[in-house]
Protein backbone atom coordinates (compact mmCIF):
# COMPACT_ATOMS: atom_id res chain seq x y z
CA UNK A 1 89.52 101.32 125.48
CA UNK A 2 88.15 99.13 128.79
CA UNK A 3 87.22 96.26 126.06
CA UNK A 4 90.04 95.46 124.37
CA UNK A 5 90.27 91.68 124.09
CA UNK A 6 92.85 89.56 121.67
CA UNK A 7 90.55 86.67 120.56
CA UNK A 8 88.11 87.79 118.34
CA UNK A 9 84.18 88.20 119.35
CA UNK A 10 82.53 86.45 116.23
CA UNK A 11 79.17 86.83 117.78
CA UNK A 12 79.55 91.16 117.96
CA UNK A 13 81.33 90.76 114.47
CA UNK A 14 78.69 89.18 113.01
CA UNK A 15 76.06 91.26 114.29
CA UNK A 16 78.12 94.35 113.40
CA UNK A 17 78.90 94.03 109.90
CA UNK A 18 74.94 94.02 109.14
CA UNK A 19 75.02 98.36 108.90
CA UNK A 20 77.84 97.62 106.44
CA UNK A 21 75.49 96.16 104.38
CA UNK A 22 73.06 99.12 104.46
CA UNK A 23 75.81 101.11 103.39
CA UNK A 24 75.91 99.35 100.22
CA UNK A 25 72.57 98.65 99.48
CA UNK A 26 71.10 102.36 99.69
CA UNK A 27 74.40 103.11 97.77
CA UNK A 28 73.96 101.19 94.72
CA UNK A 29 70.39 101.36 94.80
CA UNK A 30 70.89 105.22 94.07
CA UNK A 31 72.70 103.86 90.52
CA UNK A 32 69.38 103.07 89.67
CA UNK A 33 67.23 105.86 90.87
CA UNK A 34 68.87 108.10 89.27
CA UNK A 35 68.34 107.45 86.04
CA UNK A 36 65.06 106.61 87.08
CA UNK A 37 64.10 110.25 88.32
CA UNK A 38 65.87 111.74 85.00
CA UNK A 39 63.44 110.27 83.48
CA UNK A 40 60.33 110.43 85.68
CA UNK A 41 61.01 113.79 87.02
CA UNK A 42 62.35 115.36 83.51
CA UNK A 43 65.61 116.25 84.81
CA UNK A 44 68.87 117.16 83.02
CA UNK A 45 71.97 114.90 84.55
CA UNK A 46 73.08 117.52 86.99
CA UNK A 47 69.99 117.52 88.69
CA UNK A 48 69.43 113.65 88.28
CA UNK A 49 73.07 113.58 90.15
CA UNK A 50 71.85 115.68 93.60
CA UNK A 51 70.69 112.65 94.98
CA UNK A 52 74.36 111.47 95.17
CA UNK A 53 75.15 115.49 96.13
CA UNK A 54 72.77 114.85 99.05
CA UNK A 55 73.71 111.48 100.20
CA UNK A 56 77.05 111.94 100.30
CA UNK A 57 77.28 115.80 101.12
CA UNK A 58 75.32 114.31 104.37
CA UNK A 59 78.69 112.04 105.45
CA UNK A 60 80.89 115.09 105.25
CA UNK A 61 78.22 117.06 107.23
CA UNK A 62 77.70 114.48 109.75
CA UNK A 63 81.41 113.94 110.74
CA UNK A 64 82.08 117.85 110.37
CA UNK A 65 79.58 118.29 113.20
CA UNK A 66 80.97 115.43 115.49
CA UNK A 67 84.34 116.70 114.50
CA UNK A 68 83.52 120.46 116.12
CA UNK A 69 81.98 118.76 118.72
CA UNK A 70 85.10 117.16 119.89
CA UNK A 71 87.18 119.64 118.69
CA UNK A 72 85.17 122.48 121.00
CA UNK A 73 84.51 120.11 123.99
CA UNK A 74 87.95 118.58 123.83
CA UNK A 75 85.96 115.04 124.00
CA UNK A 76 84.70 112.49 121.11
CA UNK A 77 81.29 112.58 121.06
CA UNK A 78 81.18 108.79 119.55
CA UNK A 79 83.56 107.54 122.21
CA UNK A 80 81.67 109.16 124.85
CA UNK A 81 78.61 107.44 123.70
CA UNK A 82 80.17 104.27 122.92
CA UNK A 83 80.50 102.68 119.55
CA UNK A 84 77.52 100.22 120.31
CA UNK A 85 75.56 103.27 121.14
CA UNK A 86 76.18 105.97 118.66
CA UNK A 87 75.59 102.91 115.90
CA UNK A 88 71.84 102.89 117.26
CA UNK A 89 71.68 106.27 117.45
CA UNK A 90 72.74 106.48 113.55
CA UNK A 91 70.50 103.53 112.60
CA UNK A 92 67.25 105.50 114.21
CA UNK A 93 68.69 108.61 112.52
CA UNK A 94 68.38 106.44 109.46
CA UNK A 95 65.08 104.91 109.89
CA UNK A 96 63.67 108.83 110.52
CA UNK A 97 65.04 109.48 106.93
CA UNK A 98 63.50 106.53 105.74
CA UNK A 99 59.92 108.30 106.97
CA UNK A 100 60.84 111.26 105.06
CA UNK A 101 61.69 109.57 101.77
CA UNK A 102 58.03 107.84 102.31
CA UNK A 103 56.26 111.33 102.85
CA UNK A 104 58.58 112.76 100.10
CA UNK A 105 57.29 109.73 97.60
CA UNK A 106 53.55 109.89 98.75
CA UNK A 107 53.57 113.90 98.02
CA UNK A 108 55.51 113.27 94.67
CA UNK A 109 57.92 116.03 95.13
CA UNK A 110 61.93 115.32 94.09
CA UNK A 111 63.27 118.11 96.42
CA UNK A 112 61.66 115.95 99.60
CA UNK A 113 63.37 112.85 98.38
CA UNK A 114 66.29 114.49 98.49
CA UNK A 115 66.36 115.28 102.17
CA UNK A 116 65.21 112.07 102.84
CA UNK A 117 68.38 110.56 101.27
CA UNK A 118 70.00 113.22 102.91
CA UNK A 119 68.79 112.08 106.80
CA UNK A 120 69.34 108.45 106.02
CA UNK A 121 73.07 109.68 104.99
CA UNK A 122 73.53 111.27 108.03
CA UNK A 123 72.90 108.40 109.89
CA UNK A 124 75.14 106.28 107.94
CA UNK A 125 77.83 109.06 109.05
CA UNK A 126 77.42 108.24 112.52
CA UNK A 127 77.27 104.53 111.85
CA UNK A 128 80.46 104.63 109.84
CA UNK A 129 82.20 106.59 112.07
CA UNK A 130 81.52 104.29 115.04
CA UNK A 131 81.40 100.84 112.98
CA UNK A 132 85.53 101.12 111.86
CA UNK A 133 87.03 101.55 115.19
CA UNK A 134 84.49 99.22 116.50
CA UNK A 135 85.34 96.26 114.10
CA UNK A 136 89.35 96.60 115.11
CA UNK A 137 87.82 96.46 118.61
CA UNK A 138 86.42 93.16 118.41
CA UNK A 139 89.33 91.48 118.94
CA UNK A 140 93.36 91.52 118.25
CA UNK A 141 94.48 94.73 116.61
CA UNK A 142 96.70 93.22 114.37
CA UNK A 143 93.88 91.19 112.38
CA UNK A 144 91.45 94.23 112.73
CA UNK A 145 92.20 94.67 109.08
CA UNK A 146 90.53 91.64 108.30
CA UNK A 147 87.62 92.33 110.15
CA UNK A 148 87.53 95.58 108.26
CA UNK A 149 87.96 94.13 105.06
CA UNK A 150 85.35 90.79 106.01
CA UNK A 151 82.63 93.74 106.76
CA UNK A 152 83.77 95.46 103.22
CA UNK A 153 82.95 92.25 101.77
CA UNK A 154 79.41 92.56 103.18
CA UNK A 155 79.00 95.87 102.09
CA UNK A 156 79.65 94.59 98.37
CA UNK A 157 77.08 92.31 98.71
CA UNK A 158 74.63 94.82 99.38
CA UNK A 159 75.95 96.95 96.61
CA UNK A 160 75.23 93.92 94.05
CA UNK A 161 72.05 93.08 95.22
CA UNK A 162 70.65 97.12 96.11
CA UNK A 163 70.55 97.64 92.16
CA UNK A 164 68.14 94.29 91.63
CA UNK A 165 66.07 94.95 94.09
CA UNK A 166 65.58 98.77 93.82
CA UNK A 167 64.88 98.54 90.22
CA UNK A 168 62.23 95.75 90.85
CA UNK A 169 60.80 98.51 93.14
CA UNK A 170 61.02 100.77 90.75
CA UNK A 171 59.95 99.33 87.61
CA UNK A 172 58.12 96.57 88.78
CA UNK A 173 59.52 94.09 86.40
CA UNK A 174 62.41 92.51 85.18
CA UNK A 175 60.80 93.19 81.74
CA UNK A 176 61.99 96.01 79.91
CA UNK A 177 60.18 99.85 80.39
CA UNK A 178 60.68 102.82 77.96
CA UNK A 179 61.74 105.82 79.21
CA UNK A 180 58.73 107.39 78.40
CA UNK A 181 56.48 104.83 80.41
CA UNK A 182 58.65 105.60 83.52
CA UNK A 183 56.82 108.75 83.53
CA UNK A 184 53.44 107.18 83.99
CA UNK A 185 54.60 104.78 86.63
CA UNK A 186 52.99 104.54 90.41
CA UNK A 187 55.67 105.00 93.11
CA UNK A 188 53.63 103.17 95.11
CA UNK A 189 56.58 100.03 95.17
CA UNK A 190 59.17 102.93 96.50
CA UNK A 191 56.98 103.80 99.03
CA UNK A 192 56.95 99.79 100.34
CA UNK A 193 60.81 99.94 99.86
CA UNK A 194 61.42 102.53 101.96
CA UNK A 195 58.58 101.02 104.52
CA UNK A 196 60.88 98.03 104.55
CA UNK A 197 63.96 99.62 104.76
CA UNK A 198 62.97 101.61 107.92
CA UNK A 199 61.50 98.75 109.65
CA UNK A 200 65.36 96.62 108.99
CA UNK A 201 66.38 100.13 110.15
CA UNK A 202 64.74 99.47 113.49
CA UNK A 203 65.00 95.66 113.73
CA UNK A 204 69.13 96.55 113.49
CA UNK A 205 68.56 98.90 116.18
CA UNK A 206 66.88 96.63 118.24
CA UNK A 207 69.49 93.83 117.79
CA UNK A 208 72.48 96.25 118.80
CA UNK A 209 70.72 98.01 121.83
CA UNK A 210 69.63 94.37 123.24
CA UNK A 211 72.92 92.69 122.18
CA UNK A 212 74.67 91.26 125.31
CA UNK A 213 77.70 90.33 122.96
CA UNK A 214 78.56 94.01 121.75
CA UNK A 215 80.67 95.93 123.94
CA UNK A 216 79.95 99.25 125.17
CA UNK A 217 83.31 100.46 123.33
CA UNK A 218 82.98 103.73 125.88
CA UNK A 219 86.06 105.58 126.05
CA UNK A 220 87.29 108.44 128.23
CA UNK A 221 90.63 109.59 126.12
CA UNK A 222 90.68 113.46 125.34
CA UNK A 223 90.35 114.93 122.03
CA UNK A 224 93.54 116.61 120.76
CA UNK A 225 92.68 120.41 119.96
CA UNK A 226 92.67 121.50 116.47
CA UNK A 227 90.99 124.92 116.17
CA UNK A 228 93.11 126.31 113.20
CA UNK A 229 91.71 123.08 111.33
CA UNK A 230 88.15 123.33 112.44
CA UNK A 231 87.95 126.70 111.36
CA UNK A 232 89.10 125.95 108.01
CA UNK A 233 87.03 123.26 107.67
CA UNK A 234 84.25 125.69 108.24
CA UNK A 235 85.58 128.42 105.78
CA UNK A 236 85.54 125.61 103.43
CA UNK A 237 82.28 124.55 103.82
CA UNK A 238 80.71 127.93 103.87
CA UNK A 239 82.51 128.72 100.60
CA UNK A 240 81.01 125.31 99.19
CA UNK A 241 77.58 126.49 99.64
CA UNK A 242 78.64 130.20 97.60
CA UNK A 243 79.67 127.79 94.88
CA UNK A 244 76.75 125.70 94.31
CA UNK A 245 73.92 128.33 95.08
CA UNK A 246 74.25 130.45 91.70
CA UNK A 247 73.90 126.85 89.95
CA UNK A 248 70.76 125.90 92.28
CA UNK A 249 69.35 129.75 91.29
CA UNK A 250 70.50 129.19 87.60
CA UNK A 251 67.57 126.75 87.41
CA UNK A 252 64.93 129.60 88.07
CA UNK A 253 66.59 132.13 85.70
CA UNK A 254 64.80 133.22 82.47
CA UNK A 255 67.14 131.44 80.37
CA UNK A 256 66.13 128.00 81.93
CA UNK A 257 62.21 129.05 82.15
CA UNK A 258 62.76 129.19 78.14
CA UNK A 259 64.61 126.13 77.57
CA UNK A 260 62.10 124.55 79.98
CA UNK A 261 59.20 126.35 77.45
CA UNK A 262 60.95 124.89 74.44
CA UNK A 263 61.17 121.47 75.30
CA UNK A 264 57.79 121.38 76.49
CA UNK A 265 56.49 122.71 73.07
CA UNK A 266 58.52 119.60 71.35
CA UNK A 267 57.85 116.99 74.04
CA UNK A 268 55.28 115.36 72.16
CA UNK A 269 57.27 114.94 68.44
CA UNK A 270 60.66 114.08 71.18
CA UNK A 271 58.68 111.34 73.11
CA UNK A 272 57.87 109.84 69.44
CA UNK A 273 61.06 109.99 68.13
CA UNK A 274 62.07 108.10 71.73
CA UNK A 275 59.67 105.40 71.44
CA UNK A 276 60.70 105.25 67.77
CA UNK A 277 64.46 104.82 67.98
CA UNK A 278 63.79 101.85 71.13
CA UNK A 279 61.67 100.10 68.35
CA UNK A 280 64.68 100.61 65.85
CA UNK A 281 67.24 99.07 68.41
CA UNK A 282 64.93 95.74 69.44
CA UNK A 283 64.98 95.21 65.39
CA UNK A 284 68.69 95.66 64.94
CA UNK A 285 69.25 93.30 68.04
CA UNK A 286 66.96 90.65 66.56
CA UNK A 287 67.67 91.41 62.59
CA UNK A 288 67.09 88.23 61.52
CA UNK A 289 64.13 88.89 58.76
CA UNK A 290 64.05 91.18 55.39
CA UNK A 291 61.21 92.44 56.37
CA UNK A 292 62.91 93.56 59.51
CA UNK A 293 65.44 95.02 57.67
CA UNK A 294 63.04 96.88 55.55
CA UNK A 295 61.22 98.12 58.35
CA UNK A 296 64.50 99.50 60.02
CA UNK A 297 64.86 101.66 57.01
CA UNK A 298 61.47 103.07 56.98
CA UNK A 299 61.84 103.63 60.58
CA UNK A 300 65.73 105.23 60.36
CA UNK A 301 63.41 107.63 57.24
CA UNK A 302 60.31 108.72 59.89
CA UNK A 303 62.88 109.49 62.54
CA UNK A 304 64.83 111.62 59.98
CA UNK A 305 61.61 113.38 59.17
CA UNK A 306 60.63 114.00 62.84
CA UNK A 307 64.30 115.27 63.70
CA UNK A 308 64.31 117.57 60.95
CA UNK A 309 60.88 119.06 62.05
CA UNK A 310 62.14 120.29 65.42
CA UNK A 311 65.84 121.45 64.52
CA UNK A 312 64.77 125.23 64.80
CA UNK A 313 63.64 124.51 68.55
CA UNK A 314 66.51 122.33 69.40
CA UNK A 315 69.21 124.73 67.56
CA UNK A 316 67.21 127.33 69.64
CA UNK A 317 67.91 125.21 73.01
CA UNK A 318 71.41 125.04 72.09
CA UNK A 319 71.97 128.43 71.50
CA UNK A 320 70.67 129.56 75.20
CA UNK A 321 71.86 126.11 77.34
CA UNK A 322 75.49 126.54 75.69
CA UNK A 323 76.67 129.66 77.83
CA UNK A 324 73.94 128.68 80.60
CA UNK A 325 76.07 125.46 81.12
CA UNK A 326 79.39 127.27 80.99
CA UNK A 327 78.15 129.77 83.52
CA UNK A 328 77.29 126.31 86.01
CA UNK A 329 80.59 124.71 85.06
CA UNK A 330 82.65 127.82 86.24
CA UNK A 331 80.97 127.26 89.74
CA UNK A 332 81.03 123.73 90.32
CA UNK A 333 84.51 123.71 89.59
CA UNK A 334 85.25 126.19 91.96
CA UNK A 335 83.52 124.06 94.43
CA UNK A 336 86.12 121.17 93.70
CA UNK A 337 89.27 123.99 94.07
CA UNK A 338 87.87 124.78 97.62
CA UNK A 339 88.36 121.44 98.43
CA UNK A 340 91.90 121.14 96.73
CA UNK A 341 93.00 124.68 97.68
CA UNK A 342 91.60 124.71 101.26
CA UNK A 343 93.28 121.21 101.92
CA UNK A 344 96.64 122.33 100.43
CA UNK A 345 96.86 125.85 102.54
CA UNK A 346 96.02 123.81 105.58
CA UNK A 347 99.29 121.64 105.03
CA UNK A 348 101.09 124.64 104.08
CA UNK A 349 100.02 127.14 106.95
CA UNK A 350 100.71 123.60 109.34
CA UNK A 351 103.96 123.30 108.48
CA UNK A 352 105.09 126.72 109.46
CA UNK A 353 103.07 126.42 112.81
CA UNK A 354 101.87 123.08 113.99
CA UNK A 355 100.15 124.79 116.73
CA UNK A 356 96.13 124.43 116.47
CA UNK A 357 96.21 122.02 113.31
CA UNK A 358 96.32 118.81 114.76
CA UNK A 359 96.61 115.91 112.33
CA UNK A 360 96.78 118.30 109.30
CA UNK A 361 100.17 118.69 109.76
CA UNK A 362 101.36 115.80 107.83
CA UNK A 363 101.22 115.85 104.38
CA UNK A 364 100.19 112.18 104.15
CA UNK A 365 97.04 112.64 105.76
CA UNK A 366 96.54 115.93 103.57
CA UNK A 367 96.80 114.30 100.36
CA UNK A 368 95.26 111.13 101.68
CA UNK A 369 92.15 113.33 102.07
CA UNK A 370 92.43 114.30 98.77
CA UNK A 371 92.91 110.56 97.86
CA UNK A 372 89.71 109.37 99.70
CA UNK A 373 87.74 112.41 97.90
CA UNK A 374 88.99 111.52 94.64
CA UNK A 375 88.25 107.39 95.28
CA UNK A 376 85.06 108.14 96.70
CA UNK A 377 83.97 110.49 93.73
CA UNK A 378 85.52 107.97 90.80
CA UNK A 379 83.93 105.22 92.53
CA UNK A 380 80.39 106.47 92.62
CA UNK A 381 80.56 109.06 89.67
CA UNK A 382 81.82 105.89 87.15
CA UNK A 383 78.68 104.13 88.70
CA UNK A 384 75.89 106.46 88.72
CA UNK A 385 76.51 108.18 85.57
CA UNK A 386 76.92 104.40 83.74
CA UNK A 387 73.06 104.06 83.50
CA UNK A 388 72.90 107.25 81.21
CA UNK A 389 76.03 106.25 79.00
CA UNK A 390 73.94 102.74 78.23
CA UNK A 391 71.05 104.79 76.96
CA UNK A 392 73.35 105.67 73.87
CA UNK A 393 73.11 104.24 70.30
CA UNK A 394 76.51 103.05 70.29
CA UNK A 395 76.13 101.23 73.98
CA UNK A 396 72.84 99.79 73.40
CA UNK A 397 70.14 102.18 73.36
CA UNK A 398 69.39 100.63 77.10
CA UNK A 399 66.44 101.87 78.75
CA UNK A 400 66.46 102.23 82.52
CA UNK A 401 64.52 99.39 83.35
CA UNK A 402 67.21 97.41 81.46
CA UNK A 403 70.53 98.64 82.58
CA UNK A 404 70.19 96.77 86.58
CA UNK A 405 72.44 93.65 85.44
CA UNK A 406 74.80 96.06 84.58
CA UNK A 407 75.05 98.39 87.37
CA UNK A 408 74.90 95.33 89.91
CA UNK A 409 78.01 93.95 87.75
CA UNK A 410 79.75 97.41 88.57
CA UNK A 411 79.26 97.97 92.24
CA UNK A 412 79.83 93.82 92.12
CA UNK A 413 82.79 94.14 90.43
CA UNK A 414 83.86 95.96 93.94
CA UNK A 415 82.66 93.13 96.15
CA UNK A 416 85.26 91.06 94.06
CA UNK A 417 88.12 92.95 94.88
CA UNK A 418 87.26 92.82 98.79
CA UNK A 419 86.14 89.12 99.00
CA UNK A 420 89.57 88.75 98.17
CA UNK A 421 90.99 91.36 100.50
CA UNK A 422 89.14 89.62 103.30
CA UNK A 423 91.10 86.32 102.86
CA UNK A 424 93.53 87.30 105.35
CA UNK A 425 90.32 86.49 108.07
CA UNK A 426 91.40 83.25 107.80
CA UNK A 427 94.81 81.48 108.86
CA UNK A 428 95.63 79.84 105.78
CA UNK A 429 99.24 78.56 104.26
CA UNK A 430 100.72 80.39 101.48
CA UNK A 431 100.32 78.02 99.15
CA UNK A 432 96.06 78.23 100.07
CA UNK A 433 95.89 82.00 100.33
CA UNK A 434 97.82 82.10 96.93
CA UNK A 435 94.83 79.30 96.02
CA UNK A 436 92.21 81.23 97.21
CA UNK A 437 93.22 84.38 96.03
CA UNK A 438 92.26 83.24 92.27
CA UNK A 439 89.21 80.86 93.48
CA UNK A 440 87.55 84.00 95.72
CA UNK A 441 87.04 86.36 92.69
CA UNK A 442 85.64 84.03 90.77
CA UNK A 443 83.35 82.76 93.17
CA UNK A 444 82.06 86.17 93.90
CA UNK A 445 81.96 86.46 90.15
CA UNK A 446 79.51 83.72 89.91
CA UNK A 447 77.50 84.93 92.72
CA UNK A 448 76.63 88.00 90.43
CA UNK A 449 75.73 86.17 88.17
CA UNK A 450 73.69 83.89 89.73
CA UNK A 451 71.85 86.54 91.66
CA UNK A 452 70.73 88.46 88.64
CA UNK A 453 70.13 85.45 87.11
CA UNK A 454 67.77 84.10 89.74
CA UNK A 455 65.81 87.98 89.81
CA UNK A 456 65.23 86.69 85.99
CA UNK A 457 67.96 89.29 84.24
CA UNK A 458 69.83 88.43 80.62
CA UNK A 459 73.50 88.01 82.13
CA UNK A 460 74.55 86.40 78.97
CA UNK A 461 76.32 89.81 77.55
CA UNK A 462 78.54 89.94 80.66
CA UNK A 463 79.85 86.88 80.46
CA UNK A 464 83.18 87.61 79.20
CA UNK A 465 83.89 90.27 81.61
CA UNK A 466 85.33 87.21 83.76
CA UNK A 467 88.75 87.76 81.87
CA UNK A 468 88.56 91.09 83.57
CA UNK A 469 88.23 89.66 86.58
CA UNK A 470 91.31 87.81 85.69
CA UNK A 471 93.63 90.83 84.92
CA UNK A 472 92.30 91.62 88.28
CA UNK A 473 93.76 88.55 90.46
CA UNK A 474 97.20 89.49 88.10
CA UNK A 475 97.40 92.75 89.66
CA UNK A 476 96.45 91.11 93.58
CA UNK A 477 99.63 88.66 92.99
CA UNK A 478 101.99 91.50 91.89
CA UNK A 479 100.68 94.12 94.28
CA UNK A 480 101.51 91.90 97.06
CA UNK A 481 99.38 93.38 99.82
CA UNK A 482 101.58 96.56 100.13
CA UNK A 483 99.35 99.73 99.91
CA UNK A 484 101.34 101.62 98.09
CA UNK A 485 102.14 99.77 95.31
CA UNK A 486 98.54 98.43 95.40
CA UNK A 487 97.58 102.31 95.15
CA UNK A 488 99.83 102.58 91.98
CA UNK A 489 99.10 98.99 90.39
CA UNK A 490 95.00 99.86 90.63
CA UNK A 491 95.49 103.09 89.78
CA UNK A 492 96.95 102.61 86.88
CA UNK A 493 94.77 99.88 85.95
CA UNK A 494 92.05 102.45 86.28
CA UNK A 495 93.43 104.76 83.94
CA UNK A 496 93.72 102.25 81.67
CA UNK A 497 90.20 101.03 81.77
CA UNK A 498 88.91 104.58 81.60
CA UNK A 499 91.16 105.55 78.38
CA UNK A 500 90.06 102.18 76.94
CA UNK A 501 86.23 103.34 77.37
CA UNK A 502 86.57 106.62 76.47
CA UNK A 503 88.32 105.43 72.53
CA UNK A 504 85.73 102.56 72.07
CA UNK A 505 82.18 101.93 71.84
CA UNK A 506 79.90 98.63 72.34
CA UNK A 507 81.11 95.68 74.99
CA UNK A 508 84.36 96.76 75.07
CA UNK A 509 83.75 100.00 76.33
CA UNK A 510 81.15 98.74 78.52
CA UNK A 511 83.70 96.28 79.90
CA UNK A 512 86.49 98.82 80.44
CA UNK A 513 83.91 101.21 82.58
CA UNK A 514 82.57 98.42 84.13
CA UNK A 515 85.98 97.68 85.32
CA UNK A 516 86.93 101.02 87.02
CA UNK A 517 84.95 98.81 90.17
CA UNK A 518 87.36 96.11 90.00
CA UNK A 519 90.32 99.07 90.26
CA UNK A 520 88.02 100.61 93.11
CA UNK A 521 87.87 97.61 95.09
CA UNK A 522 90.91 97.41 97.24
CA UNK A 523 91.64 101.34 97.58
CA UNK A 524 90.38 102.52 100.69
CA UNK A 525 92.04 100.19 102.76
CA UNK A 526 95.64 100.88 100.90
CA UNK A 527 94.71 104.95 101.18
CA UNK A 528 93.29 104.75 104.93
CA UNK A 529 96.43 102.76 106.13
CA UNK A 530 99.08 105.15 104.36
CA UNK A 531 96.93 108.24 105.13
CA UNK A 532 97.03 107.42 108.98
CA UNK A 533 100.53 106.07 109.18
CA UNK A 534 103.30 107.95 111.47
CA UNK A 535 100.36 110.28 113.07
CA UNK A 536 100.60 109.24 116.48
CA UNK A 537 98.15 110.47 118.94
CA UNK A 538 96.32 112.30 116.17
CA UNK A 539 95.37 108.94 114.24
CA UNK A 540 91.67 109.36 115.39
CA UNK A 541 91.09 112.61 114.18
CA UNK A 542 93.13 111.78 111.50
CA UNK A 543 90.56 108.78 110.85
CA UNK A 544 87.82 111.33 111.38
CA UNK A 545 89.09 113.41 108.63
CA UNK A 546 88.82 110.82 106.18
CA UNK A 547 85.58 110.06 106.80
CA UNK A 548 84.49 113.76 106.30
CA UNK A 549 86.34 113.16 102.31
CA UNK A 550 83.82 111.14 101.44
CA UNK A 551 82.40 114.32 100.42
CA UNK A 552 83.78 113.37 97.25
CA UNK A 553 80.99 111.37 96.36
CA UNK A 554 78.70 114.28 96.64
CA UNK A 555 81.09 116.70 94.45
CA UNK A 556 82.15 114.58 91.55
CA UNK A 557 79.33 113.01 90.31
CA UNK A 558 77.32 115.91 89.85
CA UNK A 559 80.45 117.80 88.08
CA UNK A 560 80.81 114.83 85.61
CA UNK A 561 76.88 114.94 85.20
CA UNK A 562 77.36 119.03 84.37
CA UNK A 563 79.97 118.27 81.90
CA UNK A 564 78.08 115.56 80.46
CA UNK A 565 75.31 117.94 79.47
CA UNK A 566 77.84 120.03 77.83
CA UNK A 567 80.31 117.87 75.85
CA UNK A 568 77.96 114.45 76.12
CA UNK A 569 78.03 111.49 78.35
CA UNK A 570 80.89 109.45 76.77
CA UNK A 571 83.05 112.14 76.50
CA UNK A 572 82.61 113.46 80.53
CA UNK A 573 84.47 110.24 81.40
CA UNK A 574 87.66 111.87 81.56
CA UNK A 575 86.88 113.46 84.54
CA UNK A 576 87.35 109.14 86.03
CA UNK A 577 90.55 109.33 83.98
CA UNK A 578 91.93 112.29 85.72
CA UNK A 579 90.71 110.66 89.34
CA UNK A 580 92.86 107.53 88.61
CA UNK A 581 95.95 109.68 87.71
CA UNK A 582 95.42 111.50 91.01
CA UNK A 583 95.06 108.05 92.83
CA UNK A 584 98.07 106.38 90.96
CA UNK A 585 100.25 109.71 91.71
CA UNK A 586 99.13 109.53 95.69
CA UNK A 587 100.26 106.04 95.62
CA UNK A 588 103.69 106.93 94.34
CA UNK A 589 104.33 110.52 96.37
CA UNK A 590 103.41 109.14 99.45
CA UNK A 591 105.85 106.36 99.85
CA UNK A 592 108.44 109.11 99.55
CA UNK A 593 106.69 111.10 102.13
CA UNK A 594 106.61 108.33 104.74
CA UNK A 595 110.69 107.37 103.78
CA UNK A 596 111.23 111.04 104.80
CA UNK A 597 109.90 110.39 108.06
CA UNK A 598 111.76 107.23 108.33
CA UNK A 599 108.78 104.77 107.74
CA UNK A 600 109.17 101.85 105.89
CA UNK A 601 105.89 101.97 103.99
CA UNK A 602 105.92 98.46 102.55
CA UNK A 603 105.92 97.04 106.16
CA UNK A 604 102.29 98.93 106.76
CA UNK A 605 99.22 96.74 106.72
CA UNK A 606 96.41 98.09 104.71
CA UNK A 607 93.52 98.53 106.82
CA UNK A 608 90.00 99.75 106.87
CA UNK A 609 86.94 98.79 104.45
CA UNK A 610 84.48 101.06 102.87
């Protein structure tokens, strides 16, 4: 690379990390957008999760196209353009997506919104491919991890304020808005939001284009051929399309139309029941006067009578829905098996004959690709399904407009860990570093509370979440910044948190599920560093494969959404349990794999940020 330097280019770094903010802001904002669209467009949980499917599938397809170009032409397109110009192109593409989103919102078309988000994320894919190695290039490679962790902290700040701003844009107020009232809301503020986002994309592109502080980042290094790997990925992509097609088509089936007909016939009564339940919850929260207790009993009786009146239709809906949902579930499970089976097949074939497989000959990379797939999937799934979970009576019966503080705290939990991971940016003594490892997470927690309080959100139910942050701090000290140990420890942290959440309700369960963000916060750098260790000349190619696996954010959340449609949203959180189990397993097995290759894994520095 013709612009390498030992001294950190701080002006360039500060310019670069702005794009990390955009990624976090939009991704976390989707967690508010999902329950909103579910109520506004009368969607099931799977359909609402298509927002994540469109968003994260774009990451995969964008990275695949870049890899395909390099594999066929022998040149890395991003390196040919240069990191600087690639980011500019990515920002312009995202601005185009914002424009498509505005058109879709004006037309009030859900499918069009999915297309808009897809285009935005395609731009993000190009930005992500360029920005991570660009951050390493802006100084001494030995401190590249620290710069990426700093960028990740900015990314997480975007995830913290994203739900707040998007929530205000959707609901126009910090006050509670019932899900039935949402149907009558206008989308004019969403239009204004994406006009603002589009303008920011264009401003950022201009800053990058005209900045003289930013090096071009152009490289002419040849790309290692991997024709068999490319063929496998293309076949996997085709099979994924085959698996999802029947699911999408099933929504136009006679069974689906019958369900819609029945739901429309009982819609007025269903709306009345939801409104009465909302009033009941409000009374139960106060529960200070005898007259309120009497009112609660009357409301409960009225709700039971209304539910009894539509019981036959509900039973008929369930009779039709159950086999239909099972059919959809089979195909979605097939999509997951395509990813797992395809990657394991590639690695097994590569072991027999490595020619044409490129980086996929390395088991630490292939298993790492599955780990990135799982990590992004569980990170997004826990957050995007959280809004629907909080609507349950045992979790507080929150409306879509009331969940923003919880979504903000979940994504903010990732910020807490990433800010702690960025401490090494500063040349601190051991004692000062240990002190900072305590202070910084607590400071990040205070920022989340403060930002939401300024936004007039009631954060009192989340004050004691600081004890969960304390557990994370302890885990940081135990992990000792060793990637394999970190991944195992935080994977087990996630497993424990999800199991507690599954077998409890109320505040305890909410805190447990929110802790999923604390568990995920430090996983990307650990997985990334372990997966590319020992790849040699295939390191760049392996990094591209890992970025592709952000696809997990488009597969696992819809899968959990469909499971929730069958067994319930609370029970569906067994899927995150399985995800965290695999992540802990990868931390264990990759250490053994690398030791067989003569690599001391404890000497590997965790690098990267997401």
